[in-house]
Protein backbone atom coordinates (compact mmCIF):
# COMPACT_ATOMS: atom_id res chain seq x y z
CA MET A 1 9.58 -43.03 31.48
CA SER A 2 10.46 -44.63 28.17
CA ASN A 3 7.79 -42.65 26.32
CA SER A 4 8.55 -39.28 27.90
CA LYS A 5 11.27 -38.33 25.41
CA PRO A 6 9.21 -38.95 22.25
CA LYS A 7 6.31 -37.01 23.76
CA LEU A 8 8.65 -34.11 24.45
CA LEU A 9 10.07 -34.25 20.94
CA GLN A 10 6.59 -34.25 19.45
CA LEU A 11 6.24 -30.69 20.69
CA LEU A 12 8.82 -29.70 18.07
CA PRO A 13 7.78 -29.48 14.40
CA ALA A 14 11.10 -31.18 13.58
CA TRP A 15 9.76 -34.41 15.08
CA SER A 16 7.49 -34.84 12.07
CA TRP A 17 10.47 -35.27 9.73
CA LEU A 18 13.14 -36.55 12.13
CA SER A 19 11.01 -39.55 13.04
CA HIS A 20 10.92 -40.63 9.37
CA TYR A 21 14.43 -39.59 8.32
CA SER A 22 16.33 -41.98 6.06
CA PRO A 23 19.72 -42.33 4.32
CA VAL A 24 18.07 -41.54 0.98
CA LYS A 25 16.78 -38.22 2.31
CA PHE A 26 20.18 -37.52 3.90
CA LYS A 27 21.92 -37.95 0.54
CA SER A 28 19.54 -35.48 -1.12
CA ASP A 29 19.93 -33.00 1.74
CA VAL A 30 23.74 -33.15 1.60
CA LEU A 31 23.77 -32.33 -2.12
CA ALA A 32 21.32 -29.48 -1.62
CA SER A 33 23.36 -28.06 1.28
CA LEU A 34 26.56 -28.03 -0.79
CA ILE A 35 24.85 -26.06 -3.57
CA VAL A 36 23.25 -23.60 -1.12
CA VAL A 37 26.56 -22.99 0.67
CA ALA A 38 28.22 -22.22 -2.66
CA MET A 39 25.71 -19.34 -2.94
CA LEU A 40 25.51 -18.46 0.74
CA VAL A 41 29.18 -17.73 1.45
CA PRO A 42 29.56 -14.86 -1.05
CA GLN A 43 25.96 -13.70 -0.55
CA GLY A 44 26.21 -13.69 3.23
CA MET A 45 29.38 -11.63 3.18
CA ALA A 46 27.93 -9.26 0.58
CA TYR A 47 24.70 -8.74 2.52
CA ALA A 48 26.62 -8.04 5.71
CA MET A 49 28.54 -5.38 3.83
CA LEU A 50 25.22 -4.05 2.52
CA ALA A 51 24.04 -3.67 6.13
CA GLY A 52 27.21 -1.71 6.93
CA LEU A 53 28.69 -4.60 8.92
CA PRO A 54 31.87 -6.70 8.73
CA PRO A 55 31.55 -9.51 6.14
CA ILE A 56 32.09 -12.23 8.76
CA MET A 57 28.74 -11.30 10.32
CA GLY A 58 27.07 -12.55 7.16
CA LEU A 59 28.46 -16.00 7.93
CA TYR A 60 27.48 -15.73 11.60
CA ALA A 61 23.91 -14.93 10.49
CA SER A 62 23.83 -18.24 8.60
CA ILE A 63 24.69 -20.59 11.49
CA LEU A 64 22.41 -20.65 14.54
CA PRO A 65 19.38 -19.10 12.78
CA MET A 66 19.36 -21.87 10.15
CA ILE A 67 19.74 -24.65 12.72
CA LEU A 68 16.98 -23.35 15.00
CA TYR A 69 14.61 -22.68 12.13
CA ALA A 70 15.12 -26.27 10.95
CA MET A 71 13.98 -27.46 14.38
CA LEU A 72 11.01 -25.09 14.74
CA GLY A 73 9.88 -24.04 11.24
CA SER A 74 7.08 -25.68 9.29
CA SER A 75 8.70 -25.35 5.84
CA SER A 76 10.92 -28.16 4.61
CA THR A 77 12.93 -26.06 2.16
CA LEU A 78 12.98 -22.46 3.43
CA SER A 79 16.57 -21.18 3.67
CA ILE A 80 16.95 -18.71 6.55
CA GLY A 81 19.78 -16.20 6.64
CA PRO A 82 20.84 -12.74 5.51
CA VAL A 83 18.90 -11.25 2.59
CA ALA A 84 19.31 -8.03 0.65
CA ILE A 85 16.11 -6.20 1.64
CA ILE A 86 16.43 -6.89 5.38
CA SER A 87 20.11 -5.92 5.21
CA MET A 88 19.13 -2.66 3.52
CA MET A 89 16.47 -2.00 6.15
CA THR A 90 19.03 -2.70 8.86
CA PHE A 91 21.35 -0.14 7.29
CA ALA A 92 18.48 2.37 6.90
CA THR A 93 17.59 1.95 10.59
CA LEU A 94 21.12 2.25 11.99
CA ASN A 95 22.86 4.62 9.56
CA PRO A 96 21.20 7.81 10.90
CA LEU A 97 22.09 6.86 14.47
CA PHE A 98 25.68 5.60 14.45
CA GLU A 99 28.85 5.68 12.41
CA VAL A 100 28.73 2.79 9.94
CA GLY A 101 31.00 -0.08 10.97
CA SER A 102 31.76 1.35 14.41
CA PRO A 103 31.57 -0.93 17.51
CA VAL A 104 28.37 0.78 18.68
CA TYR A 105 26.86 0.30 15.19
CA ILE A 106 27.68 -3.40 15.27
CA GLU A 107 26.29 -3.74 18.78
CA ALA A 108 23.08 -1.97 17.73
CA ALA A 109 22.73 -4.39 14.77
CA THR A 110 22.79 -7.40 17.12
CA LEU A 111 20.28 -5.68 19.42
CA LEU A 112 18.08 -4.96 16.40
CA ALA A 113 18.10 -8.67 15.51
CA LEU A 114 17.17 -9.55 19.09
CA MET A 115 14.27 -7.07 19.06
CA VAL A 116 13.03 -8.35 15.69
CA GLY A 117 13.11 -11.86 17.14
CA ILE A 118 11.21 -10.92 20.29
CA ILE A 119 8.53 -9.06 18.31
CA SER A 120 8.08 -12.01 15.92
CA LEU A 121 8.03 -14.53 18.78
CA LEU A 122 5.40 -12.59 20.72
CA LEU A 123 3.22 -12.20 17.62
CA GLY A 124 3.49 -15.93 16.99
CA LEU A 125 2.67 -16.90 20.58
CA MET A 126 -0.35 -14.58 20.51
CA ARG A 127 -1.39 -16.18 17.20
CA PHE A 128 -1.17 -12.98 15.19
CA GLY A 129 -0.10 -14.74 12.02
CA PHE A 130 -3.14 -13.27 10.28
CA LEU A 131 -1.37 -9.89 10.27
CA ILE A 132 0.21 -10.83 6.94
CA GLN A 133 -3.20 -10.13 5.41
CA LEU A 134 -3.02 -6.46 6.45
CA ILE A 135 -0.46 -5.65 3.76
CA SER A 136 -1.65 -6.03 0.21
CA HIS A 137 0.44 -8.00 -2.25
CA PRO A 138 0.77 -5.05 -4.69
CA VAL A 139 2.28 -2.91 -1.91
CA ILE A 140 4.74 -5.65 -0.92
CA GLN A 141 5.65 -6.22 -4.57
CA SER A 142 6.21 -2.50 -5.13
CA PHE A 143 8.23 -2.26 -1.92
CA ILE A 144 10.51 -5.11 -3.02
CA ILE A 145 11.04 -3.61 -6.49
CA ALA A 146 11.79 -0.15 -5.12
CA SER A 147 14.09 -1.56 -2.42
CA ALA A 148 15.90 -3.64 -5.02
CA LEU A 149 16.51 -0.49 -7.08
CA LEU A 150 17.91 1.35 -4.05
CA ILE A 151 20.05 -1.63 -3.07
CA ALA A 152 21.52 -1.82 -6.56
CA VAL A 153 22.40 1.88 -6.79
CA GLY A 154 23.67 1.76 -3.20
CA GLN A 155 26.36 -0.73 -4.22
CA PHE A 156 27.68 1.59 -6.90
CA LYS A 157 29.95 3.26 -4.34
CA PHE A 158 32.02 0.06 -4.12
CA LEU A 159 32.35 -0.09 -7.89
CA VAL A 160 33.70 3.45 -8.16
CA ASP A 161 35.38 3.61 -4.73
CA VAL A 162 33.84 6.92 -3.65
CA PRO A 163 31.62 7.58 -0.59
CA LEU A 164 28.28 7.88 -2.39
CA GLN A 165 25.10 8.25 -0.34
CA ALA A 166 22.03 6.29 -1.42
CA ASN A 167 19.32 6.49 1.25
CA ASN A 168 17.11 7.68 -1.59
CA LEU A 169 17.41 8.19 -5.31
CA GLN A 170 17.90 11.96 -5.42
CA GLN A 171 20.57 11.73 -2.72
CA PHE A 172 22.40 9.18 -4.87
CA VAL A 173 22.21 11.39 -7.97
CA PHE A 174 23.48 14.51 -6.15
CA SER A 175 26.21 12.49 -4.43
CA LEU A 176 27.33 10.95 -7.74
CA LEU A 177 27.54 14.39 -9.37
CA GLU A 178 29.55 15.67 -6.42
CA TYR A 179 32.11 12.85 -6.55
CA LEU A 180 32.11 12.24 -10.30
CA HIS A 181 35.64 13.55 -10.70
CA LEU A 182 36.93 11.14 -8.02
CA ILE A 183 35.74 7.90 -9.65
CA HIS A 184 38.37 5.17 -9.38
CA TRP A 185 38.36 3.76 -12.89
CA PRO A 186 40.31 0.53 -12.21
CA SER A 187 37.72 -0.41 -9.55
CA LEU A 188 34.89 0.41 -11.95
CA VAL A 189 36.40 -1.70 -14.73
CA PHE A 190 37.02 -4.56 -12.31
CA GLY A 191 33.44 -4.34 -11.02
CA LEU A 192 31.91 -4.21 -14.50
CA LEU A 193 33.94 -7.25 -15.54
CA SER A 194 32.62 -9.07 -12.46
CA ILE A 195 29.03 -8.14 -13.34
CA GLY A 196 29.58 -9.36 -16.89
CA LEU A 197 30.91 -12.71 -15.68
CA LEU A 198 28.03 -13.15 -13.24
CA ILE A 199 25.51 -12.49 -16.02
CA TYR A 200 27.02 -14.31 -18.97
CA LEU A 201 29.01 -17.19 -17.46
CA PRO A 202 25.84 -19.00 -16.25
CA LYS A 203 24.37 -18.61 -19.77
CA ILE A 204 27.49 -20.15 -21.28
CA LEU A 205 27.43 -23.02 -18.80
CA LYS A 206 23.77 -23.66 -19.60
CA SER A 207 24.38 -23.77 -23.35
CA GLN A 208 23.89 -27.04 -25.15
CA ALA A 209 27.49 -26.99 -26.42
CA VAL A 210 28.91 -26.99 -22.90
CA GLN A 211 26.39 -29.45 -21.46
CA SER A 212 27.00 -31.89 -24.32
CA ARG A 213 30.69 -31.95 -23.36
CA ILE A 214 30.58 -32.11 -19.55
CA GLY A 215 27.01 -33.11 -18.78
CA SER A 216 24.80 -31.34 -16.24
CA THR A 217 26.15 -27.94 -15.19
CA ASP A 218 23.53 -27.07 -12.56
CA PHE A 219 26.04 -27.12 -9.70
CA LEU A 220 28.54 -25.01 -11.64
CA VAL A 221 25.84 -22.45 -12.48
CA ARG A 222 24.88 -22.15 -8.80
CA ALA A 223 28.55 -21.89 -7.82
CA VAL A 224 29.41 -19.09 -10.27
CA PRO A 225 29.49 -16.41 -7.50
CA LEU A 226 31.84 -18.58 -5.44
CA MET A 227 34.00 -19.23 -8.51
CA LEU A 228 34.16 -15.49 -9.15
CA VAL A 229 35.19 -14.92 -5.54
CA ALA A 230 38.04 -17.40 -5.97
CA LEU A 231 39.12 -15.81 -9.26
CA GLY A 232 39.01 -12.34 -7.73
CA ILE A 233 41.19 -13.40 -4.80
CA LEU A 234 43.71 -15.06 -7.12
CA ALA A 235 43.78 -11.96 -9.31
CA VAL A 236 44.50 -9.70 -6.32
CA VAL A 237 47.22 -12.00 -5.00
CA TYR A 238 49.05 -12.82 -8.22
CA LEU A 239 48.48 -9.61 -10.17
CA ASN A 240 49.06 -7.43 -7.11
CA LEU A 241 45.88 -5.43 -7.85
CA GLN A 242 46.00 -3.65 -4.50
CA THR A 243 48.74 -1.48 -5.90
CA GLN A 244 46.18 -0.33 -8.49
CA GLY A 245 43.87 0.79 -5.68
CA ILE A 246 41.52 -2.22 -5.73
CA LYS A 247 40.15 -2.39 -2.17
CA THR A 248 39.64 -5.75 -0.48
CA VAL A 249 37.69 -7.07 2.50
CA GLY A 250 40.74 -7.08 4.79
CA ALA A 251 41.30 -9.07 7.95
CA ILE A 252 38.41 -11.37 8.93
CA PRO A 253 38.32 -12.98 12.39
CA SER A 254 37.97 -16.75 12.45
CA GLY A 255 36.17 -18.98 14.90
CA PHE A 256 32.68 -19.78 16.08
CA PRO A 257 30.44 -16.70 16.41
CA PRO A 258 30.89 -15.15 19.86
CA LEU A 259 27.80 -15.71 22.01
CA SER A 260 26.76 -12.74 24.12
CA PHE A 261 23.68 -10.71 24.95
CA PRO A 262 23.76 -7.29 23.23
CA HIS A 263 24.24 -4.24 25.44
CA TRP A 264 21.09 -2.19 25.62
CA ASN A 265 19.22 0.58 27.40
CA TRP A 266 15.63 1.69 27.20
CA ASP A 267 16.43 4.83 25.20
CA LEU A 268 18.16 2.76 22.54
CA VAL A 269 15.37 0.16 22.52
CA LEU A 270 12.73 2.85 22.00
CA THR A 271 14.84 4.41 19.24
CA LEU A 272 15.20 1.10 17.42
CA LEU A 273 11.62 -0.08 18.02
CA PRO A 274 10.01 1.42 14.87
CA GLY A 275 12.74 -0.02 12.65
CA ALA A 276 12.61 -3.39 14.42
CA THR A 277 8.83 -3.52 13.98
CA MET A 278 9.07 -2.76 10.26
CA ILE A 279 11.84 -5.32 9.78
CA ALA A 280 9.86 -7.96 11.71
CA MET A 281 6.81 -7.31 9.57
CA ILE A 282 8.64 -7.43 6.23
CA SER A 283 10.71 -10.39 7.39
CA PHE A 284 7.56 -12.38 8.19
CA VAL A 285 5.74 -11.39 5.00
CA GLU A 286 8.71 -12.22 2.79
CA SER A 287 9.54 -15.46 4.61
CA LEU A 288 5.97 -16.76 4.61
CA SER A 289 5.41 -15.81 0.97
CA ILE A 290 8.51 -17.76 -0.07
CA ALA A 291 7.58 -20.72 2.13
CA GLN A 292 4.05 -20.77 0.69
CA ALA A 293 5.40 -20.93 -2.85
CA THR A 294 7.55 -23.99 -2.15
CA ALA A 295 4.93 -25.59 0.11
CA LEU A 296 2.40 -25.48 -2.72
CA GLN A 297 4.83 -27.21 -5.05
CA GLN A 298 5.60 -29.92 -2.48
CA ARG A 299 2.03 -30.21 -1.15
CA SER A 300 3.20 -29.58 2.40
CA GLN A 301 1.38 -27.67 5.14
CA LEU A 302 2.38 -24.35 6.66
CA ASN A 303 1.38 -22.78 9.96
CA SER A 304 1.73 -19.00 9.88
CA ASN A 305 1.86 -18.68 13.68
CA GLN A 306 4.51 -21.40 13.90
CA GLU A 307 6.48 -19.60 11.19
CA LEU A 308 6.42 -16.43 13.30
CA ILE A 309 7.69 -18.36 16.31
CA ALA A 310 10.45 -20.04 14.31
CA LEU A 311 11.46 -16.76 12.68
CA GLY A 312 11.45 -15.09 16.10
CA ILE A 313 13.73 -17.73 17.63
CA ALA A 314 16.02 -17.55 14.58
CA ASN A 315 16.42 -13.78 14.95
CA ILE A 316 16.92 -14.03 18.71
CA SER A 317 19.74 -16.51 18.05
CA ALA A 318 21.16 -14.06 15.48
CA GLY A 319 21.12 -11.32 18.11
CA VAL A 320 23.05 -13.37 20.67
CA SER A 321 25.55 -14.76 18.10
CA SER A 322 26.98 -11.48 16.78
CA ALA A 323 24.72 -11.37 13.71
CA PHE A 324 21.97 -9.14 12.32
CA PRO A 325 18.29 -9.66 11.34
CA VAL A 326 17.56 -12.63 9.07
CA THR A 327 14.63 -14.02 7.11
CA GLY A 328 13.87 -16.47 4.33
CA SER A 329 15.88 -16.05 1.13
CA LEU A 330 13.98 -16.43 -2.14
CA SER A 331 17.01 -17.31 -4.29
CA ARG A 332 18.51 -19.81 -1.83
CA THR A 333 15.13 -21.38 -1.05
CA VAL A 334 14.43 -21.96 -4.74
CA VAL A 335 17.90 -23.40 -5.21
CA ASN A 336 17.46 -25.56 -2.10
CA ALA A 337 14.18 -26.96 -3.43
CA ASP A 338 15.47 -27.43 -6.97
CA ALA A 339 18.60 -29.17 -5.66
CA GLY A 340 16.41 -31.84 -4.10
CA ALA A 341 16.28 -30.89 -0.41
CA ARG A 342 13.90 -33.34 1.23
CA THR A 343 13.84 -32.02 4.81
CA PRO A 344 15.07 -29.07 6.92
CA MET A 345 18.19 -31.14 7.60
CA ALA A 346 19.58 -29.47 4.45
CA GLY A 347 19.58 -26.20 6.40
CA VAL A 348 21.33 -27.83 9.35
CA LEU A 349 24.01 -29.25 7.07
CA SER A 350 24.45 -25.86 5.39
CA SER A 351 25.02 -24.31 8.82
CA LEU A 352 27.64 -26.94 9.69
CA LEU A 353 29.48 -26.19 6.46
CA ILE A 354 29.37 -22.47 7.22
CA ILE A 355 30.89 -23.23 10.65
CA LEU A 356 33.79 -24.95 8.89
CA VAL A 357 34.27 -21.89 6.69
CA SER A 358 34.18 -19.61 9.75
CA LEU A 359 36.71 -21.74 11.63
CA PHE A 360 39.26 -22.54 8.96
CA PHE A 361 38.78 -20.55 5.75
CA THR A 362 38.16 -16.92 6.69
CA GLY A 363 41.77 -16.05 5.88
CA PHE A 364 41.10 -17.10 2.31
CA PHE A 365 38.63 -14.24 1.90
CA GLU A 366 40.85 -11.43 3.20
CA GLU A 367 42.00 -10.54 -0.33
CA LEU A 368 38.46 -10.60 -1.74
CA PRO A 369 37.78 -7.35 -3.70
CA LEU A 370 34.86 -5.33 -2.41
CA ALA A 371 33.84 -4.72 -6.03
CA ILE A 372 33.09 -8.44 -6.44
CA LEU A 373 30.82 -8.46 -3.40
CA ALA A 374 29.05 -5.37 -4.77
CA ALA A 375 28.70 -7.04 -8.18
CA THR A 376 27.22 -10.12 -6.51
CA ILE A 377 24.56 -8.00 -4.82
CA ILE A 378 23.76 -5.96 -7.94
CA VAL A 379 23.31 -9.00 -10.20
CA SER A 380 21.26 -11.00 -7.69
CA ILE A 381 18.99 -8.09 -6.75
CA TRP A 382 18.57 -6.45 -10.17
CA LYS A 383 16.45 -9.38 -11.33
CA LEU A 384 13.73 -8.06 -9.02
CA VAL A 385 13.57 -4.64 -10.70
CA ASP A 386 10.64 -5.18 -13.05
CA PHE A 387 8.04 -2.52 -13.86
CA GLN A 388 5.63 -4.83 -15.67
CA PRO A 389 3.68 -5.52 -12.41
CA PHE A 390 2.95 -1.78 -12.17
CA MET A 391 1.41 -1.78 -15.63
CA ASN A 392 -0.60 -4.94 -14.93
CA ALA A 393 -1.91 -3.57 -11.63
CA TRP A 394 -2.91 -0.25 -13.21
CA ARG A 395 -4.82 -1.97 -15.99
CA TYR A 396 -6.69 -4.27 -13.61
CA SER A 397 -7.28 -1.96 -10.64
CA LYS A 398 -6.52 1.75 -10.53
CA ALA A 399 -6.58 1.64 -6.71
CA ASP A 400 -3.92 -1.09 -6.55
CA GLY A 401 -1.93 0.71 -9.23
CA ILE A 402 -1.98 3.94 -7.22
CA ALA A 403 -0.92 2.08 -4.06
CA MET A 404 2.00 0.51 -5.94
CA TRP A 405 3.25 3.78 -7.40
CA VAL A 406 2.84 5.64 -4.09
CA THR A 407 4.85 2.93 -2.33
CA PHE A 408 7.52 2.94 -5.04
CA PHE A 409 8.07 6.70 -5.02
CA GLY A 410 7.90 6.78 -1.21
CA VAL A 411 10.72 4.24 -1.00
CA VAL A 412 13.00 5.65 -3.72
CA LEU A 413 12.44 9.34 -2.95
CA ILE A 414 12.24 9.28 0.88
CA ASP A 415 13.51 6.04 2.44
CA ILE A 416 12.60 2.39 2.77
CA SER A 417 10.65 2.44 6.05
CA THR A 418 8.75 5.65 5.29
CA GLY A 419 7.88 4.41 1.82
CA LEU A 420 6.45 1.18 3.20
CA ILE A 421 4.38 3.04 5.80
CA ILE A 422 3.06 5.37 3.09
CA GLY A 423 2.16 2.34 0.96
CA ILE A 424 0.29 0.63 3.79
CA ILE A 425 -1.59 3.82 4.65
CA SER A 426 -2.48 4.40 0.99
CA THR A 427 -3.86 0.86 0.79
CA PHE A 428 -6.20 1.44 3.70
CA VAL A 429 -7.23 4.89 2.46
CA LEU A 430 -8.06 3.49 -0.98
CA MET A 431 -9.88 0.55 0.59
CA LEU A 432 -12.02 2.91 2.70
CA TRP A 433 -12.67 5.05 -0.38
CA ARG A 434 -13.84 1.97 -2.29
CA ILE A 435 -16.11 0.82 0.54
CA SER A 436 -17.58 4.33 0.80
CA ARG A 437 -18.50 4.16 -2.89
CA PRO A 438 -20.16 0.74 -3.16
CA HIS A 439 -21.64 -0.69 -6.31
CA ILE A 440 -25.41 -0.29 -6.07
CA ALA A 441 -27.69 -1.53 -8.82
CA VAL A 442 -31.36 -1.48 -9.72
CA VAL A 443 -32.10 -5.09 -10.67
CA GLY A 444 -34.80 -6.82 -12.68
CA LEU A 445 -35.91 -10.36 -13.48
CA ILE A 446 -34.29 -12.12 -16.42
CA GLU A 447 -37.14 -13.62 -18.42
CA GLY A 448 -37.47 -17.38 -18.06
CA THR A 449 -35.36 -17.56 -14.88
CA GLN A 450 -35.42 -16.72 -11.20
CA HIS A 451 -32.28 -14.59 -11.53
CA PHE A 452 -32.04 -10.83 -11.12
CA ARG A 453 -29.47 -8.66 -12.85
CA ASN A 454 -28.54 -5.00 -13.28
CA VAL A 455 -31.09 -3.23 -15.49
CA GLN A 456 -28.26 -1.28 -17.16
CA ARG A 457 -26.46 -4.45 -18.25
CA HIS A 458 -29.23 -6.91 -19.15
CA GLN A 459 -32.68 -7.14 -20.75
CA VAL A 460 -34.87 -7.65 -17.68
CA LEU A 461 -38.50 -7.47 -16.54
CA THR A 462 -39.39 -4.64 -14.15
CA SER A 463 -42.51 -3.14 -12.61
CA ASP A 464 -43.35 0.54 -12.06
CA GLN A 465 -44.71 -0.36 -8.63
CA VAL A 466 -41.62 -2.24 -7.38
CA LEU A 467 -38.03 -1.02 -7.05
CA SER A 468 -35.46 -3.77 -6.55
CA LEU A 469 -32.03 -2.72 -5.26
CA ARG A 470 -28.83 -4.65 -4.63
CA ILE A 471 -25.74 -3.29 -2.86
CA ASP A 472 -22.56 -5.31 -3.39
CA GLU A 473 -20.92 -4.41 -0.09
CA ASN A 474 -21.51 -4.69 3.63
CA LEU A 475 -23.56 -1.81 5.01
CA SER A 476 -21.54 0.38 7.36
CA PHE A 477 -21.05 3.97 8.44
CA LEU A 478 -18.73 4.38 5.45
CA ASN A 479 -21.41 3.80 2.83
CA ALA A 480 -24.73 4.26 4.62
CA ASN A 481 -25.24 7.79 3.29
CA ALA A 482 -24.21 6.76 -0.23
CA PHE A 483 -26.86 4.02 -0.23
CA LYS A 484 -29.50 6.35 1.19
CA GLY A 485 -28.74 8.98 -1.46
CA PHE A 486 -28.95 6.38 -4.24
CA LEU A 487 -32.33 5.13 -2.99
CA ILE A 488 -33.75 8.64 -2.67
CA ASN A 489 -32.78 9.44 -6.26
CA ALA A 490 -34.21 6.12 -7.51
CA VAL A 491 -37.51 6.64 -5.65
CA SER A 492 -37.91 10.21 -6.92
CA ASP A 493 -38.20 8.95 -10.50
CA LYS A 494 -41.11 6.57 -9.82
CA ASP A 495 -44.52 8.16 -9.12
CA GLN A 496 -46.37 4.81 -8.99
CA LEU A 497 -43.89 3.14 -6.63
CA LYS A 498 -45.41 1.07 -3.80
CA HIS A 499 -42.59 -1.30 -2.79
CA VAL A 500 -38.82 -1.19 -2.34
CA ILE A 501 -36.99 -4.53 -2.09
CA LEU A 502 -33.43 -4.58 -0.78
CA ASN A 503 -31.60 -7.67 -2.03
CA CYS A 504 -29.22 -8.58 0.82
CA SER A 505 -27.40 -11.46 -0.90
CA SER A 506 -24.10 -9.52 -0.87
CA ILE A 507 -24.46 -8.14 2.64
CA SER A 508 -22.62 -10.02 5.39
CA ALA A 509 -22.76 -7.33 8.08
CA ILE A 510 -24.76 -4.23 8.98
CA ASP A 511 -23.26 -1.91 11.59
CA LEU A 512 -25.20 0.40 13.92
CA SER A 513 -24.92 3.46 11.69
CA ALA A 514 -26.30 1.53 8.71
CA LEU A 515 -29.05 0.06 10.88
CA GLU A 516 -30.16 3.53 11.96
CA MET A 517 -30.10 4.59 8.30
CA LEU A 518 -32.41 1.69 7.40
CA GLU A 519 -34.76 2.60 10.26
CA ASP A 520 -34.93 6.18 8.99
CA LEU A 521 -35.58 4.99 5.44
CA ASN A 522 -38.36 2.70 6.65
CA THR A 523 -40.04 5.63 8.43
CA GLU A 524 -39.63 8.06 5.55
CA LEU A 525 -40.84 5.57 2.92
CA SER A 526 -43.89 4.74 5.06
CA LYS A 527 -44.89 8.40 4.97
CA LEU A 528 -44.90 8.10 1.16
CA ASN A 529 -47.03 4.90 1.37
CA ILE A 530 -44.03 2.88 0.15
CA ARG A 531 -43.22 -0.36 1.94
CA LEU A 532 -39.65 -1.51 2.55
CA HIS A 533 -38.87 -5.23 2.12
CA PHE A 534 -35.76 -7.38 2.51
CA ALA A 535 -34.84 -10.47 0.50
CA GLU A 536 -32.14 -13.14 0.78
CA VAL A 537 -30.94 -11.99 4.20
CA LYS A 538 -28.03 -14.08 5.48
CA GLY A 539 -28.34 -15.90 8.81
CA PRO A 540 -25.75 -13.84 10.78
CA VAL A 541 -27.31 -10.59 9.50
CA MET A 542 -30.81 -11.79 10.44
CA ASP A 543 -29.59 -12.69 13.92
CA ARG A 544 -28.43 -9.12 14.45
CA LEU A 545 -31.56 -7.58 12.91
CA GLN A 546 -33.82 -9.58 15.21
CA GLU A 547 -32.18 -7.84 18.16
CA SER A 548 -33.05 -4.42 16.71
CA LYS A 549 -36.22 -2.37 16.46
CA LEU A 550 -36.13 -2.36 12.66
CA LEU A 551 -38.00 -5.63 12.18
CA LYS A 552 -40.68 -4.69 14.70
CA HIS A 553 -41.54 -1.53 12.79
CA LEU A 554 -40.74 -2.76 9.28
CA SER A 555 -43.46 -1.67 6.86
CA GLY A 556 -42.87 -4.63 4.59
CA ARG A 557 -41.79 -8.26 4.85
CA ILE A 558 -38.64 -10.37 4.75
CA TYR A 559 -38.53 -12.86 1.87
CA LEU A 560 -36.40 -15.95 1.54
CA THR A 561 -35.64 -15.16 -2.11
CA HIS A 562 -35.97 -12.12 -4.30
CA TYR A 563 -38.03 -14.16 -6.74
CA GLN A 564 -40.65 -14.88 -4.06
CA ALA A 565 -40.82 -11.17 -3.24
CA ILE A 566 -41.49 -10.27 -6.87
CA ARG A 567 -44.10 -13.04 -7.26
CA ASP A 568 -45.88 -11.71 -4.19
CA LEU A 569 -45.57 -7.95 -4.74
CA SER A 570 -45.81 -7.76 -8.53
CA PRO A 571 -48.02 -10.60 -9.83
CA ASP A 572 -48.92 -8.49 -12.87
CA LEU A 573 -45.35 -8.98 -14.06
CA PHE A 574 -46.15 -12.66 -14.50
CA ASN A 575 -49.68 -12.17 -15.77
CA ASP A 576 -48.29 -10.09 -18.61
CA HIS A 577 -45.98 -12.99 -19.40
CA SER A 578 -48.19 -16.05 -19.11
CA LYS A 579 -45.35 -18.48 -18.56
CA ASP A 580 -44.51 -19.82 -15.11
CA TYR A 581 -40.83 -19.05 -14.68
CA SER A 582 -40.29 -21.00 -11.46
CA ILE A 583 -37.36 -23.41 -11.48
């Protein structure tokens, strides 16, 4: 019986770090948690507002999810909680269905978190972590940049205190023109001052002049948003800014997040399912990408399926604790790692500190200007709006560049979810187009070697009686006709041709359509007294070919190497060059 508890605990990933926890690690984790909380309190409230929810829900989303992820996740530094993009996707999913901020809207947000958690958990249990590979990095990068742009312009309504719409860019422009005469200038000035402080105060604190006087300012730099929150509240209270029309957060309930299962019905579940699926997918991709970056730096291991499970449990806990969908935060994770977090205990400690804020300090935030929360979002998210990746992708790969621009315009001109779907579809369409147009080359022997290269790129030895081809792609129904057409054109130019050698070094699979194409080619070439040969066939491909009729009726032979095929089929090539080029 004495060993039963440790065996049970070993089923949890947390056992790997709890069993070796020490006071030194605890000290580092405490410091990291203090710095993260200084960012998380204003960010959490701002991101809840971004999702169209009461600010307190941003704090609720930072309690149970962080604790449960610490117990189940495989990353030692990933900070789970509300993030801008997931908050925006939550708003985009719920805004067309319910009145923003209404009780049914809030209830739907908790149900959405629960559904995101269940989808992630099921994918993790079924070991579908490989699904992250189905979305290309350029599409994800473009999606994040476009979403960041929409998020930034979407917060402009709090700076000018008019009901601007920003589901897409043209809607924002038309809405701004409509309400231009109603702009509340004191709110705009207050918001712009907040943005200026958030941008320039960290630079001042990082300057050598300041650091030489007070030493390291890392904590102060991280705490600038919290300092601005405090200054904003003091300004409202002592300067009586509400009389100038500066709107504030208002009453915030205090206490531990209420635990309850969201109300639901099948019609609502089916309505929310597409949005929940998209949020689960983006949540996993973003979270795992962030965790991979920090894991590489710390030489720690990650398990994608375990990450899905942990993320699923975290979102389920968000759904039953009056919160909304959560995922890993890039900014807080980087800060957590840089601050010296040694274990996931830093996340647990951050959650405990957030509980204290929720229990005893919510009243402090009631006079917080909405413009400051909007400024916090704009400054933190605008750093992601960078168009250099588009230029780099276009220069390197036109297909990836097209996918990025299609995703970007889909997001900013239609909406977030539709733009992402368009980007994913465009990736697959472009991938199929590339596969259907494979690189096929006529190759020849490089003198003095056993290597074969493209005749259009290198000085090579060739024979009029032998045609050597190499296709740099698997043979499938997508490119079978393209290969056949290339071969027919190549054969038509050679009256003395007796042999065709297909170099299979780049072929890892041949599907049934391609196999039938090769059988037809073998028959048609035989009628022209031309023999078809294969060289450098990979083991798995040979296993499949041996089960077909192709090898039984093959007019030529199968060679281990292309060099052996040329030595056998075109000895005159070597007689004309008396050297023995074997290696």
